[in-house]
Amino acid sequence: MNCVPAIVAALLLAACGESASSVSVNALVDDPARLKAIRQHCKSDRANADEVVCRAAAEAFRRRFFAGTGGPDEYRTLADLPPIPPSFDEPIARDAP
């Protein structure tokens, strides 16, 4: 009978651990392709997406952004690059003839 409280405490502590479906923020920071896929899934289907995974993806994106690691090496092909806004192609009024 003396070991019952210890067993109950051990079971409660074991239940408080991370779930198996959670994603490590550090793993997402190191894998930009997986981060992009998870962010896209969270953006397109937020109601059915796992909230813990979406929060981990947001935190990983924030860390990459502020660390400066989300740079040119992240884009593998020209199709991955974001489109150039049309305002960059227009001449400035003072340069026009």
N, C-alpha and C. Protein backbone atom coordinates (compact mmCIF):
# COMPACT_ATOMS: atom_id res chain seq x y z
N MET A 1 0.81 -1.20 0.00
CA MET A 1 0.00 0.00 0.00
C MET A 1 0.85 1.26 0.00
N ASN A 2 2.07 1.15 0.50
CA ASN A 2 2.92 2.34 0.54
C ASN A 2 3.40 2.74 -0.85
N CYS A 3 3.42 1.82 -1.78
CA CYS A 3 3.94 2.14 -3.11
C CYS A 3 2.85 2.66 -4.06
N VAL A 4 1.58 2.60 -3.66
CA VAL A 4 0.49 3.06 -4.52
C VAL A 4 0.63 4.54 -4.86
N PRO A 5 0.88 5.44 -3.90
CA PRO A 5 1.04 6.85 -4.27
C PRO A 5 2.22 7.09 -5.22
N ALA A 6 3.28 6.32 -5.04
CA ALA A 6 4.43 6.48 -5.93
C ALA A 6 4.09 6.04 -7.35
N ILE A 7 3.34 4.97 -7.48
CA ILE A 7 2.94 4.49 -8.80
C ILE A 7 1.99 5.48 -9.47
N VAL A 8 1.04 6.00 -8.70
CA VAL A 8 0.11 6.99 -9.24
C VAL A 8 0.86 8.24 -9.69
N ALA A 9 1.81 8.69 -8.89
CA ALA A 9 2.60 9.87 -9.26
C ALA A 9 3.40 9.61 -10.53
N ALA A 10 3.97 8.42 -10.65
CA ALA A 10 4.74 8.09 -11.85
C ALA A 10 3.85 8.06 -13.09
N LEU A 11 2.65 7.52 -12.97
CA LEU A 11 1.72 7.49 -14.10
C LEU A 11 1.28 8.90 -14.50
N LEU A 12 1.03 9.75 -13.52
CA LEU A 12 0.64 11.13 -13.83
C LEU A 12 1.76 11.88 -14.53
N LEU A 13 2.99 11.68 -14.08
CA LEU A 13 4.11 12.35 -14.72
C LEU A 13 4.36 11.82 -16.12
N ALA A 14 4.13 10.54 -16.33
CA ALA A 14 4.31 9.96 -17.67
C ALA A 14 3.25 10.49 -18.63
N ALA A 15 2.07 10.76 -18.13
CA ALA A 15 0.99 11.28 -18.98
C ALA A 15 1.21 12.74 -19.36
N CYS A 16 2.07 13.44 -18.64
CA CYS A 16 2.30 14.86 -18.91
C CYS A 16 3.35 15.09 -19.98
N GLY A 17 3.95 14.05 -20.52
CA GLY A 17 5.01 14.21 -21.52
C GLY A 17 4.44 14.68 -22.85
N GLU A 18 5.35 14.99 -23.80
CA GLU A 18 4.94 15.42 -25.13
C GLU A 18 4.27 14.27 -25.86
N SER A 19 3.31 14.61 -26.69
CA SER A 19 2.66 13.57 -27.48
C SER A 19 3.57 13.18 -28.63
N ALA A 20 3.33 12.01 -29.16
CA ALA A 20 4.18 11.50 -30.24
C ALA A 20 3.97 12.28 -31.54
N SER A 21 2.81 12.94 -31.70
CA SER A 21 2.53 13.64 -32.94
C SER A 21 3.14 15.04 -32.98
N SER A 22 3.68 15.50 -31.87
CA SER A 22 4.23 16.85 -31.88
C SER A 22 5.52 16.89 -32.68
N VAL A 23 5.79 18.05 -33.25
CA VAL A 23 6.95 18.24 -34.10
C VAL A 23 7.93 19.14 -33.38
N SER A 24 9.19 18.80 -33.44
CA SER A 24 10.22 19.60 -32.81
C SER A 24 10.46 20.87 -33.62
N VAL A 25 10.50 21.98 -32.92
CA VAL A 25 10.75 23.26 -33.58
C VAL A 25 12.14 23.26 -34.21
N ASN A 26 13.12 22.72 -33.50
CA ASN A 26 14.48 22.69 -34.02
C ASN A 26 14.58 21.82 -35.28
N ALA A 27 13.81 20.74 -35.33
CA ALA A 27 13.82 19.89 -36.52
C ALA A 27 13.23 20.64 -37.71
N LEU A 28 12.20 21.45 -37.47
CA LEU A 28 11.61 22.23 -38.56
C LEU A 28 12.53 23.36 -39.01
N VAL A 29 13.28 23.94 -38.07
CA VAL A 29 14.23 24.99 -38.44
C VAL A 29 15.28 24.43 -39.38
N ASP A 30 15.69 23.19 -39.15
CA ASP A 30 16.73 22.56 -39.97
C ASP A 30 16.22 22.00 -41.29
N ASP A 31 14.91 21.87 -41.45
CA ASP A 31 14.34 21.27 -42.66
C ASP A 31 13.33 22.22 -43.30
N PRO A 32 13.80 23.15 -44.16
CA PRO A 32 12.89 24.15 -44.72
C PRO A 32 11.81 23.56 -45.63
N ALA A 33 12.07 22.45 -46.28
CA ALA A 33 11.05 21.85 -47.15
C ALA A 33 9.88 21.34 -46.31
N ARG A 34 10.18 20.68 -45.22
CA ARG A 34 9.11 20.18 -44.34
C ARG A 34 8.37 21.33 -43.68
N LEU A 35 9.11 22.37 -43.28
CA LEU A 35 8.48 23.55 -42.69
C LEU A 35 7.52 24.19 -43.67
N LYS A 36 7.93 24.31 -44.93
CA LYS A 36 7.07 24.91 -45.94
C LYS A 36 5.80 24.08 -46.14
N ALA A 37 5.94 22.76 -46.16
CA ALA A 37 4.79 21.88 -46.35
C ALA A 37 3.82 21.98 -45.18
N ILE A 38 4.34 22.02 -43.97
CA ILE A 38 3.48 22.11 -42.79
C ILE A 38 2.78 23.46 -42.75
N ARG A 39 3.51 24.53 -43.05
CA ARG A 39 2.89 25.87 -43.05
C ARG A 39 1.79 25.95 -44.10
N GLN A 40 2.01 25.35 -45.26
CA GLN A 40 1.00 25.34 -46.32
C GLN A 40 -0.23 24.58 -45.88
N HIS A 41 -0.03 23.43 -45.22
CA HIS A 41 -1.16 22.64 -44.72
C HIS A 41 -1.93 23.41 -43.66
N CYS A 42 -1.22 24.07 -42.76
CA CYS A 42 -1.89 24.84 -41.71
C CYS A 42 -2.66 26.02 -42.29
N LYS A 43 -2.11 26.62 -43.35
CA LYS A 43 -2.77 27.76 -43.97
C LYS A 43 -4.02 27.34 -44.74
N SER A 44 -3.96 26.21 -45.43
CA SER A 44 -5.07 25.79 -46.27
C SER A 44 -6.19 25.10 -45.49
N ASP A 45 -5.84 24.39 -44.42
CA ASP A 45 -6.85 23.61 -43.69
C ASP A 45 -6.63 23.74 -42.19
N ARG A 46 -6.78 24.94 -41.68
CA ARG A 46 -6.48 25.22 -40.27
C ARG A 46 -7.42 24.46 -39.33
N ALA A 47 -8.66 24.25 -39.73
CA ALA A 47 -9.63 23.59 -38.86
C ALA A 47 -9.25 22.14 -38.57
N ASN A 48 -8.69 21.46 -39.55
CA ASN A 48 -8.33 20.05 -39.38
C ASN A 48 -6.87 19.83 -39.05
N ALA A 49 -6.08 20.89 -39.03
CA ALA A 49 -4.65 20.76 -38.74
C ALA A 49 -4.43 20.66 -37.24
N ASP A 50 -3.36 19.99 -36.86
CA ASP A 50 -3.00 19.85 -35.45
C ASP A 50 -2.46 21.19 -34.94
N GLU A 51 -3.07 21.72 -33.93
CA GLU A 51 -2.70 23.05 -33.42
C GLU A 51 -1.26 23.08 -32.91
N VAL A 52 -0.82 22.01 -32.28
CA VAL A 52 0.55 21.96 -31.76
C VAL A 52 1.56 22.01 -32.90
N VAL A 53 1.27 21.29 -33.97
CA VAL A 53 2.18 21.27 -35.12
C VAL A 53 2.20 22.64 -35.80
N CYS A 54 1.04 23.26 -35.94
CA CYS A 54 0.98 24.59 -36.56
C CYS A 54 1.72 25.63 -35.73
N ARG A 55 1.61 25.55 -34.43
CA ARG A 55 2.35 26.48 -33.57
C ARG A 55 3.85 26.24 -33.66
N ALA A 56 4.25 24.98 -33.75
CA ALA A 56 5.68 24.67 -33.90
C ALA A 56 6.20 25.19 -35.23
N ALA A 57 5.40 25.07 -36.28
CA ALA A 57 5.81 25.59 -37.59
C ALA A 57 5.92 27.11 -37.56
N ALA A 58 5.00 27.77 -36.89
CA ALA A 58 5.06 29.23 -36.78
C ALA A 58 6.30 29.67 -36.00
N GLU A 59 6.60 28.96 -34.93
CA GLU A 59 7.79 29.29 -34.13
C GLU A 59 9.07 29.03 -34.93
N ALA A 60 9.11 27.93 -35.69
CA ALA A 60 10.29 27.64 -36.51
C ALA A 60 10.47 28.69 -37.60
N PHE A 61 9.37 29.12 -38.21
CA PHE A 61 9.46 30.17 -39.23
C PHE A 61 9.97 31.47 -38.61
N ARG A 62 9.48 31.79 -37.42
CA ARG A 62 9.93 33.01 -36.74
C ARG A 62 11.42 32.94 -36.43
N ARG A 63 11.86 31.79 -35.94
CA ARG A 63 13.29 31.64 -35.63
C ARG A 63 14.16 31.76 -36.89
N ARG A 64 13.71 31.13 -37.99
CA ARG A 64 14.48 31.23 -39.24
C ARG A 64 14.50 32.66 -39.75
N PHE A 65 13.39 33.36 -39.62
CA PHE A 65 13.31 34.73 -40.11
C PHE A 65 14.25 35.64 -39.34
N PHE A 66 14.21 35.58 -38.02
CA PHE A 66 15.04 36.47 -37.21
C PHE A 66 16.50 36.05 -37.18
N ALA A 67 16.78 34.79 -37.47
CA ALA A 67 18.17 34.34 -37.52
C ALA A 67 18.81 34.65 -38.87
N GLY A 68 17.99 34.96 -39.86
CA GLY A 68 18.51 35.26 -41.18
C GLY A 68 18.86 34.02 -41.99
N THR A 69 18.37 32.85 -41.58
CA THR A 69 18.71 31.63 -42.31
C THR A 69 17.72 31.33 -43.43
N GLY A 70 16.64 32.05 -43.51
CA GLY A 70 15.67 31.85 -44.58
C GLY A 70 16.05 32.68 -45.78
N GLY A 71 17.23 32.46 -46.32
CA GLY A 71 17.75 33.31 -47.38
C GLY A 71 17.71 32.68 -48.75
N PRO A 72 18.58 33.14 -49.65
CA PRO A 72 18.57 32.70 -51.04
C PRO A 72 18.79 31.20 -51.22
N ASP A 73 19.50 30.56 -50.30
CA ASP A 73 19.74 29.13 -50.44
C ASP A 73 18.46 28.32 -50.23
N GLU A 74 17.41 28.95 -49.73
CA GLU A 74 16.16 28.25 -49.50
C GLU A 74 15.43 27.99 -50.82
N TYR A 75 15.65 28.83 -51.81
CA TYR A 75 14.98 28.68 -53.10
C TYR A 75 15.84 27.80 -54.00
N ARG A 76 15.32 26.65 -54.37
CA ARG A 76 16.07 25.69 -55.17
C ARG A 76 15.90 25.94 -56.67
N THR A 77 14.71 26.39 -57.09
CA THR A 77 14.44 26.65 -58.50
C THR A 77 13.82 28.03 -58.65
N LEU A 78 13.74 28.51 -59.89
CA LEU A 78 13.11 29.81 -60.13
C LEU A 78 11.63 29.79 -59.80
N ALA A 79 10.99 28.62 -59.91
CA ALA A 79 9.57 28.52 -59.60
C ALA A 79 9.31 28.74 -58.11
N ASP A 80 10.31 28.49 -57.26
CA ASP A 80 10.15 28.68 -55.82
C ASP A 80 10.19 30.15 -55.43
N LEU A 81 10.78 30.99 -56.28
CA LEU A 81 10.91 32.41 -55.95
C LEU A 81 9.54 33.08 -55.96
N PRO A 82 9.31 34.04 -55.08
CA PRO A 82 8.05 34.77 -55.12
C PRO A 82 8.01 35.67 -56.35
N PRO A 83 6.83 35.98 -56.87
CA PRO A 83 6.75 36.82 -58.06
C PRO A 83 7.18 38.26 -57.74
N ILE A 84 7.75 38.91 -58.75
CA ILE A 84 8.18 40.29 -58.59
C ILE A 84 6.97 41.19 -58.78
N PRO A 85 6.72 42.11 -57.87
CA PRO A 85 5.56 43.01 -58.02
C PRO A 85 5.72 43.88 -59.27
N PRO A 86 4.62 44.24 -59.92
CA PRO A 86 4.71 45.05 -61.13
C PRO A 86 5.27 46.45 -60.87
N SER A 87 5.23 46.93 -59.65
CA SER A 87 5.73 48.27 -59.36
C SER A 87 7.24 48.37 -59.58
N PHE A 88 7.95 47.25 -59.58
CA PHE A 88 9.39 47.28 -59.83
C PHE A 88 9.70 47.47 -61.31
N ASP A 89 8.76 47.15 -62.18
CA ASP A 89 8.99 47.25 -63.61
C ASP A 89 8.63 48.62 -64.17
N GLU A 90 7.87 49.40 -63.43
CA GLU A 90 7.44 50.71 -63.92
C GLU A 90 8.53 51.75 -63.69
N PRO A 91 8.71 52.67 -64.64
CA PRO A 91 9.71 53.72 -64.44
C PRO A 91 9.24 54.72 -63.39
N ILE A 92 10.19 55.33 -62.73
CA ILE A 92 9.88 56.37 -61.75
C ILE A 92 9.48 57.62 -62.52
N ALA A 93 8.55 58.40 -62.00
CA ALA A 93 8.01 59.57 -62.70
C ALA A 93 9.11 60.56 -63.08
N ARG A 94 10.10 60.77 -62.23
CA ARG A 94 11.14 61.75 -62.53
C ARG A 94 12.10 61.25 -63.61
N ASP A 95 12.15 59.92 -63.83
CA ASP A 95 13.02 59.36 -64.86
C ASP A 95 12.33 59.29 -66.22
N ALA A 96 11.03 59.46 -66.26
CA ALA A 96 10.29 59.35 -67.51
C ALA A 96 10.58 60.56 -68.40
N PRO A 97 10.61 60.36 -69.73
CA PRO A 97 10.89 61.49 -70.63
C PRO A 97 9.75 62.46 -70.75
